[in-house]
Amino acid sequence: MAKIVVDQRVNANHTDGAIWKDTPLSVEDVLASPVIADPLHMLEIVMPCVGGAAVVVASAEVAARARNRPVWVKGFGEHVPFKTPTYAEDLLDTPIRKAADTAFGMTGLTRDQMDMVSIYDCYTITVLLSL
């Protein structure tokens, strides 16, 4: 799992404004950091920071006037079966699969037809469970 956080840092190293820009990290660094919750090391856990992201949703008419080519939302999904993961029947069966199934059902597309995915990466294990 240490390789995941190292790859995340590589991405940050190439992103202006990233908190960890120009601060490389190695697998050895990750594995040498203290274990916080076995098997997670300190450097595999989300760093406290303030940030944000936004998606601007507009009508087709407004999008036609935009400077950039729009992205069309064809589907979405959400699945919240419990308040916290401690109530999950199976910690390895995340709600993401069911949410994705809902979204794909709206689109008529399959996972194989996707060119990219954006996965919430608060912990290295979250990335693995989300895939």
N, C-alpha and C. Protein backbone atom coordinates (compact mmCIF):
# COMPACT_ATOMS: atom_id res chain seq x y z
N MET A 1 0.82 -1.20 0.00
CA MET A 1 0.00 0.00 0.00
C MET A 1 0.86 1.26 0.00
N ALA A 2 2.09 1.15 0.46
CA ALA A 2 2.96 2.32 0.50
C ALA A 2 3.16 2.92 -0.89
N LYS A 3 3.16 2.08 -1.91
CA LYS A 3 3.34 2.56 -3.29
C LYS A 3 2.22 3.51 -3.69
N ILE A 4 1.02 3.30 -3.16
CA ILE A 4 -0.11 4.18 -3.49
C ILE A 4 0.19 5.61 -3.03
N VAL A 5 0.61 5.78 -1.79
CA VAL A 5 0.88 7.13 -1.28
C VAL A 5 2.09 7.75 -1.98
N VAL A 6 3.05 6.93 -2.37
CA VAL A 6 4.19 7.45 -3.11
C VAL A 6 3.73 7.98 -4.47
N ASP A 7 2.85 7.25 -5.14
CA ASP A 7 2.31 7.71 -6.43
C ASP A 7 1.48 8.98 -6.26
N GLN A 8 0.72 9.06 -5.16
CA GLN A 8 -0.05 10.27 -4.89
C GLN A 8 0.89 11.47 -4.74
N ARG A 9 1.99 11.25 -4.07
CA ARG A 9 2.96 12.33 -3.86
C ARG A 9 3.61 12.73 -5.18
N VAL A 10 3.88 11.77 -6.05
CA VAL A 10 4.42 12.09 -7.38
C VAL A 10 3.46 13.03 -8.10
N ASN A 11 2.16 12.73 -8.03
CA ASN A 11 1.17 13.60 -8.66
C ASN A 11 1.20 14.99 -8.03
N ALA A 12 1.32 15.07 -6.72
CA ALA A 12 1.38 16.36 -6.03
C ALA A 12 2.63 17.14 -6.44
N ASN A 13 3.72 16.42 -6.66
CA ASN A 13 4.97 17.08 -7.05
C ASN A 13 4.86 17.81 -8.38
N HIS A 14 3.88 17.45 -9.18
CA HIS A 14 3.70 18.07 -10.49
C HIS A 14 2.50 19.01 -10.53
N THR A 15 1.94 19.34 -9.37
CA THR A 15 0.74 20.16 -9.32
C THR A 15 1.00 21.46 -8.57
N ASP A 16 0.94 22.56 -9.29
CA ASP A 16 1.11 23.86 -8.63
C ASP A 16 0.04 24.03 -7.56
N GLY A 17 0.44 24.54 -6.42
CA GLY A 17 -0.50 24.78 -5.33
C GLY A 17 -0.70 23.58 -4.42
N ALA A 18 -0.18 22.41 -4.79
CA ALA A 18 -0.32 21.23 -3.94
C ALA A 18 0.50 21.43 -2.66
N ILE A 19 -0.05 20.99 -1.55
CA ILE A 19 0.63 21.15 -0.27
C ILE A 19 2.00 20.49 -0.28
N TRP A 20 2.10 19.32 -0.89
CA TRP A 20 3.35 18.57 -0.88
C TRP A 20 4.13 18.70 -2.18
N LYS A 21 3.90 19.79 -2.94
CA LYS A 21 4.65 20.00 -4.18
C LYS A 21 6.15 20.05 -3.88
N ASP A 22 6.92 19.42 -4.73
CA ASP A 22 8.38 19.39 -4.61
C ASP A 22 8.86 18.78 -3.30
N THR A 23 8.08 17.86 -2.75
CA THR A 23 8.47 17.13 -1.54
C THR A 23 8.35 15.64 -1.83
N PRO A 24 9.38 15.04 -2.41
CA PRO A 24 9.28 13.63 -2.78
C PRO A 24 9.14 12.72 -1.56
N LEU A 25 8.64 11.53 -1.82
CA LEU A 25 8.41 10.54 -0.77
C LEU A 25 8.75 9.17 -1.36
N SER A 26 9.37 8.32 -0.57
CA SER A 26 9.72 6.98 -1.04
C SER A 26 8.94 5.93 -0.25
N VAL A 27 8.89 4.73 -0.80
CA VAL A 27 8.26 3.60 -0.10
C VAL A 27 8.95 3.41 1.25
N GLU A 28 10.26 3.57 1.26
CA GLU A 28 11.01 3.42 2.51
C GLU A 28 10.57 4.46 3.55
N ASP A 29 10.33 5.69 3.10
CA ASP A 29 9.84 6.74 4.01
C ASP A 29 8.51 6.34 4.64
N VAL A 30 7.61 5.83 3.80
CA VAL A 30 6.28 5.44 4.28
C VAL A 30 6.40 4.32 5.30
N LEU A 31 7.16 3.30 4.96
CA LEU A 31 7.28 2.14 5.85
C LEU A 31 8.04 2.47 7.13
N ALA A 32 8.86 3.51 7.10
CA ALA A 32 9.59 3.92 8.31
C ALA A 32 8.75 4.81 9.22
N SER A 33 7.63 5.33 8.72
CA SER A 33 6.78 6.16 9.56
C SER A 33 6.02 5.28 10.55
N PRO A 34 5.60 5.83 11.68
CA PRO A 34 4.94 5.01 12.71
C PRO A 34 3.65 4.37 12.22
N VAL A 35 3.40 3.15 12.69
CA VAL A 35 2.12 2.49 12.41
C VAL A 35 1.07 3.15 13.29
N ILE A 36 0.00 3.63 12.68
CA ILE A 36 -1.07 4.30 13.41
C ILE A 36 -2.19 3.33 13.72
N ALA A 37 -2.63 2.60 12.72
CA ALA A 37 -3.67 1.57 12.86
C ALA A 37 -3.27 0.46 11.91
N ASP A 38 -2.70 -0.58 12.44
CA ASP A 38 -2.14 -1.67 11.64
C ASP A 38 -3.12 -2.12 10.56
N PRO A 39 -2.72 -2.11 9.31
CA PRO A 39 -1.35 -1.98 8.77
C PRO A 39 -1.00 -0.57 8.29
N LEU A 40 -1.78 0.44 8.63
CA LEU A 40 -1.57 1.78 8.09
C LEU A 40 -0.50 2.56 8.85
N HIS A 41 0.44 3.09 8.08
CA HIS A 41 1.48 3.95 8.63
C HIS A 41 1.01 5.40 8.60
N MET A 42 1.66 6.23 9.37
CA MET A 42 1.29 7.64 9.45
C MET A 42 1.23 8.30 8.07
N LEU A 43 2.19 7.99 7.20
CA LEU A 43 2.23 8.63 5.89
C LEU A 43 1.22 8.05 4.90
N GLU A 44 0.43 7.07 5.32
CA GLU A 44 -0.64 6.52 4.48
C GLU A 44 -2.00 7.11 4.85
N ILE A 45 -2.01 7.98 5.82
CA ILE A 45 -3.26 8.54 6.33
C ILE A 45 -3.36 9.99 5.89
N VAL A 46 -4.57 10.42 5.60
CA VAL A 46 -4.80 11.78 5.10
C VAL A 46 -4.13 12.81 6.00
N MET A 47 -3.46 13.75 5.35
CA MET A 47 -2.83 14.84 6.08
C MET A 47 -3.87 15.93 6.31
N PRO A 48 -3.97 16.47 7.52
CA PRO A 48 -4.93 17.55 7.75
C PRO A 48 -4.60 18.74 6.84
N CYS A 49 -5.56 19.18 6.09
CA CYS A 49 -5.37 20.32 5.20
C CYS A 49 -6.73 20.90 4.85
N VAL A 50 -6.70 22.10 4.36
CA VAL A 50 -7.92 22.75 3.92
C VAL A 50 -7.87 22.80 2.40
N GLY A 51 -8.89 22.30 1.79
CA GLY A 51 -8.93 22.30 0.33
C GLY A 51 -10.37 22.17 -0.12
N GLY A 52 -10.54 22.10 -1.37
CA GLY A 52 -11.90 21.97 -1.87
C GLY A 52 -11.92 21.67 -3.35
N ALA A 53 -13.07 21.31 -3.79
CA ALA A 53 -13.29 21.05 -5.21
C ALA A 53 -14.72 21.45 -5.51
N ALA A 54 -14.98 21.72 -6.74
CA ALA A 54 -16.33 22.11 -7.12
C ALA A 54 -16.65 21.60 -8.51
N VAL A 55 -17.90 21.34 -8.73
CA VAL A 55 -18.41 20.99 -10.05
C VAL A 55 -19.50 21.99 -10.36
N VAL A 56 -19.38 22.67 -11.46
CA VAL A 56 -20.41 23.62 -11.87
C VAL A 56 -21.38 22.88 -12.79
N VAL A 57 -22.63 22.85 -12.39
CA VAL A 57 -23.66 22.18 -13.18
C VAL A 57 -24.51 23.27 -13.83
N ALA A 58 -24.69 23.14 -15.14
CA ALA A 58 -25.45 24.16 -15.87
C ALA A 58 -26.29 23.49 -16.95
N SER A 59 -27.22 24.23 -17.47
CA SER A 59 -28.05 23.73 -18.57
C SER A 59 -27.21 23.63 -19.84
N ALA A 60 -27.72 22.90 -20.82
CA ALA A 60 -27.03 22.76 -22.10
C ALA A 60 -26.85 24.12 -22.77
N GLU A 61 -27.82 25.00 -22.59
CA GLU A 61 -27.74 26.33 -23.20
C GLU A 61 -26.58 27.14 -22.61
N VAL A 62 -26.45 27.10 -21.30
CA VAL A 62 -25.35 27.81 -20.64
C VAL A 62 -24.02 27.17 -21.03
N ALA A 63 -23.97 25.85 -21.05
CA ALA A 63 -22.73 25.14 -21.40
C ALA A 63 -22.29 25.49 -22.82
N ALA A 64 -23.22 25.71 -23.72
CA ALA A 64 -22.89 26.05 -25.10
C ALA A 64 -22.14 27.38 -25.19
N ARG A 65 -22.34 28.25 -24.22
CA ARG A 65 -21.68 29.56 -24.22
C ARG A 65 -20.33 29.54 -23.49
N ALA A 66 -19.99 28.42 -22.89
CA ALA A 66 -18.75 28.32 -22.11
C ALA A 66 -17.52 28.30 -23.02
N ARG A 67 -16.41 28.75 -22.47
CA ARG A 67 -15.15 28.74 -23.23
C ARG A 67 -14.61 27.34 -23.43
N ASN A 68 -14.88 26.46 -22.48
CA ASN A 68 -14.34 25.10 -22.54
C ASN A 68 -15.43 24.10 -22.91
N ARG A 69 -15.01 23.02 -23.51
CA ARG A 69 -15.95 21.96 -23.89
C ARG A 69 -16.56 21.37 -22.62
N PRO A 70 -17.88 21.23 -22.57
CA PRO A 70 -18.52 20.71 -21.35
C PRO A 70 -18.37 19.19 -21.22
N VAL A 71 -18.56 18.74 -20.02
CA VAL A 71 -18.64 17.31 -19.72
C VAL A 71 -20.10 17.05 -19.36
N TRP A 72 -20.70 16.06 -19.97
CA TRP A 72 -22.11 15.77 -19.72
C TRP A 72 -22.26 14.72 -18.64
N VAL A 73 -23.04 15.02 -17.62
CA VAL A 73 -23.31 14.07 -16.54
C VAL A 73 -24.39 13.12 -17.05
N LYS A 74 -24.02 11.86 -17.20
CA LYS A 74 -24.96 10.86 -17.72
C LYS A 74 -25.57 10.02 -16.60
N GLY A 75 -24.90 9.99 -15.46
CA GLY A 75 -25.41 9.20 -14.35
C GLY A 75 -24.68 9.53 -13.07
N PHE A 76 -25.25 9.11 -11.97
CA PHE A 76 -24.63 9.32 -10.66
C PHE A 76 -25.15 8.24 -9.73
N GLY A 77 -24.46 8.05 -8.63
CA GLY A 77 -24.92 7.05 -7.67
C GLY A 77 -24.48 7.40 -6.28
N GLU A 78 -25.26 6.95 -5.34
CA GLU A 78 -24.94 7.13 -3.93
C GLU A 78 -25.52 5.95 -3.17
N HIS A 79 -24.79 5.48 -2.19
CA HIS A 79 -25.28 4.37 -1.37
C HIS A 79 -24.72 4.55 0.03
N VAL A 80 -25.59 4.84 0.98
CA VAL A 80 -25.17 5.07 2.37
C VAL A 80 -25.93 4.08 3.25
N PRO A 81 -25.40 2.88 3.40
CA PRO A 81 -26.12 1.84 4.15
C PRO A 81 -25.95 1.90 5.66
N PHE A 82 -25.00 2.71 6.13
CA PHE A 82 -24.75 2.76 7.57
C PHE A 82 -24.12 4.10 7.93
N LYS A 83 -24.19 4.44 9.22
CA LYS A 83 -23.66 5.72 9.68
C LYS A 83 -22.13 5.75 9.65
N THR A 84 -21.51 4.68 10.08
CA THR A 84 -20.05 4.57 10.04
C THR A 84 -19.70 3.16 9.60
N PRO A 85 -18.51 2.96 9.06
CA PRO A 85 -18.10 1.62 8.62
C PRO A 85 -18.10 0.58 9.73
N THR A 86 -18.09 1.01 10.98
CA THR A 86 -18.10 0.03 12.07
C THR A 86 -19.39 -0.78 12.08
N TYR A 87 -20.44 -0.28 11.41
CA TYR A 87 -21.71 -1.00 11.34
C TYR A 87 -21.80 -1.90 10.11
N ALA A 88 -20.80 -1.89 9.27
CA ALA A 88 -20.84 -2.69 8.04
C ALA A 88 -20.79 -4.18 8.36
N GLU A 89 -21.57 -4.94 7.61
CA GLU A 89 -21.53 -6.39 7.77
C GLU A 89 -20.19 -6.94 7.29
N ASP A 90 -19.66 -6.35 6.22
CA ASP A 90 -18.40 -6.80 5.63
C ASP A 90 -17.58 -5.56 5.30
N LEU A 91 -16.47 -5.34 5.98
CA LEU A 91 -15.66 -4.15 5.76
C LEU A 91 -15.03 -4.10 4.37
N LEU A 92 -14.95 -5.25 3.70
CA LEU A 92 -14.36 -5.28 2.37
C LEU A 92 -15.38 -5.01 1.27
N ASP A 93 -16.66 -5.00 1.61
CA ASP A 93 -17.73 -4.72 0.64
C ASP A 93 -18.19 -3.29 0.86
N THR A 94 -17.55 -2.36 0.14
CA THR A 94 -17.84 -0.94 0.35
C THR A 94 -19.08 -0.51 -0.42
N PRO A 95 -19.71 0.58 -0.01
CA PRO A 95 -20.89 1.10 -0.71
C PRO A 95 -20.59 1.60 -2.12
N ILE A 96 -19.34 1.76 -2.45
CA ILE A 96 -18.97 2.32 -3.75
C ILE A 96 -19.46 1.46 -4.90
N ARG A 97 -19.40 0.15 -4.74
CA ARG A 97 -19.83 -0.75 -5.82
C ARG A 97 -21.30 -0.52 -6.16
N LYS A 98 -22.15 -0.45 -5.14
CA LYS A 98 -23.58 -0.26 -5.38
C LYS A 98 -23.86 1.13 -5.96
N ALA A 99 -23.15 2.13 -5.49
CA ALA A 99 -23.32 3.48 -6.04
C ALA A 99 -22.90 3.51 -7.50
N ALA A 100 -21.80 2.85 -7.82
CA ALA A 100 -21.34 2.79 -9.21
C ALA A 100 -22.34 2.03 -10.08
N ASP A 101 -22.89 0.93 -9.55
CA ASP A 101 -23.89 0.17 -10.31
C ASP A 101 -25.09 1.06 -10.66
N THR A 102 -25.51 1.90 -9.73
CA THR A 102 -26.62 2.83 -9.99
C THR A 102 -26.26 3.79 -11.11
N ALA A 103 -25.07 4.36 -11.02
CA ALA A 103 -24.63 5.32 -12.04
C ALA A 103 -24.51 4.65 -13.41
N PHE A 104 -23.90 3.50 -13.46
CA PHE A 104 -23.76 2.80 -14.74
C PHE A 104 -25.12 2.40 -15.30
N GLY A 105 -26.05 2.05 -14.43
CA GLY A 105 -27.39 1.71 -14.88
C GLY A 105 -28.09 2.87 -15.57
N MET A 106 -27.80 4.09 -15.16
CA MET A 106 -28.39 5.27 -15.79
C MET A 106 -27.79 5.55 -17.16
N THR A 107 -26.55 5.15 -17.34
CA THR A 107 -25.83 5.54 -18.56
C THR A 107 -25.89 4.51 -19.67
N GLY A 108 -26.09 3.25 -19.32
CA GLY A 108 -25.98 2.20 -20.32
C GLY A 108 -24.54 1.88 -20.67
N LEU A 109 -23.60 2.44 -19.92
CA LEU A 109 -22.18 2.18 -20.14
C LEU A 109 -21.67 1.15 -19.15
N THR A 110 -20.49 0.62 -19.42
CA THR A 110 -19.87 -0.36 -18.53
C THR A 110 -18.57 0.20 -17.97
N ARG A 111 -18.05 -0.45 -16.97
CA ARG A 111 -16.77 -0.05 -16.39
C ARG A 111 -15.66 -0.11 -17.44
N ASP A 112 -15.72 -1.10 -18.32
CA ASP A 112 -14.70 -1.26 -19.35
C ASP A 112 -14.66 -0.09 -20.33
N GLN A 113 -15.72 0.66 -20.41
CA GLN A 113 -15.78 1.79 -21.34
C GLN A 113 -15.26 3.10 -20.73
N MET A 114 -14.86 3.06 -19.49
CA MET A 114 -14.39 4.27 -18.81
C MET A 114 -12.90 4.49 -19.10
N ASP A 115 -12.54 5.74 -19.28
CA ASP A 115 -11.15 6.11 -19.52
C ASP A 115 -10.43 6.52 -18.24
N MET A 116 -11.18 6.92 -17.22
CA MET A 116 -10.55 7.37 -15.98
C MET A 116 -11.52 7.18 -14.83
N VAL A 117 -10.97 7.27 -13.64
CA VAL A 117 -11.77 7.20 -12.43
C VAL A 117 -11.14 8.15 -11.41
N SER A 118 -11.96 8.75 -10.61
CA SER A 118 -11.48 9.61 -9.54
C SER A 118 -11.88 8.96 -8.23
N ILE A 119 -10.90 8.54 -7.46
CA ILE A 119 -11.15 7.80 -6.23
C ILE A 119 -10.72 8.65 -5.04
N TYR A 120 -11.59 8.74 -4.06
CA TYR A 120 -11.24 9.45 -2.83
C TYR A 120 -10.10 8.69 -2.16
N ASP A 121 -9.02 9.40 -1.89
CA ASP A 121 -7.80 8.73 -1.45
C ASP A 121 -7.34 9.17 -0.06
N CYS A 122 -8.27 9.23 0.87
CA CYS A 122 -7.93 9.67 2.23
C CYS A 122 -6.97 8.71 2.93
N TYR A 123 -7.05 7.45 2.62
CA TYR A 123 -6.16 6.42 3.16
C TYR A 123 -5.78 5.50 2.01
N THR A 124 -4.60 4.93 2.06
CA THR A 124 -4.21 4.02 0.98
C THR A 124 -5.16 2.84 0.87
N ILE A 125 -5.65 2.37 1.99
CA ILE A 125 -6.56 1.22 1.96
C ILE A 125 -7.90 1.59 1.31
N THR A 126 -8.29 2.87 1.41
CA THR A 126 -9.53 3.33 0.77
C THR A 126 -9.43 3.19 -0.74
N VAL A 127 -8.27 3.51 -1.28
CA VAL A 127 -8.05 3.36 -2.72
C VAL A 127 -8.25 1.91 -3.12
N LEU A 128 -7.63 1.00 -2.40
CA LEU A 128 -7.75 -0.43 -2.73
C LEU A 128 -9.18 -0.92 -2.60
N LEU A 129 -9.87 -0.53 -1.55
CA LEU A 129 -11.25 -0.96 -1.35
C LEU A 129 -12.18 -0.37 -2.41
N SER A 130 -11.84 0.81 -2.91
CA SER A 130 -12.68 1.47 -3.91
C SER A 130 -12.52 0.87 -5.30
N LEU A 131 -11.36 0.33 -5.58
CA LEU A 131 -11.15 -0.26 -6.90
C LEU A 131 -11.97 -1.52 -7.03
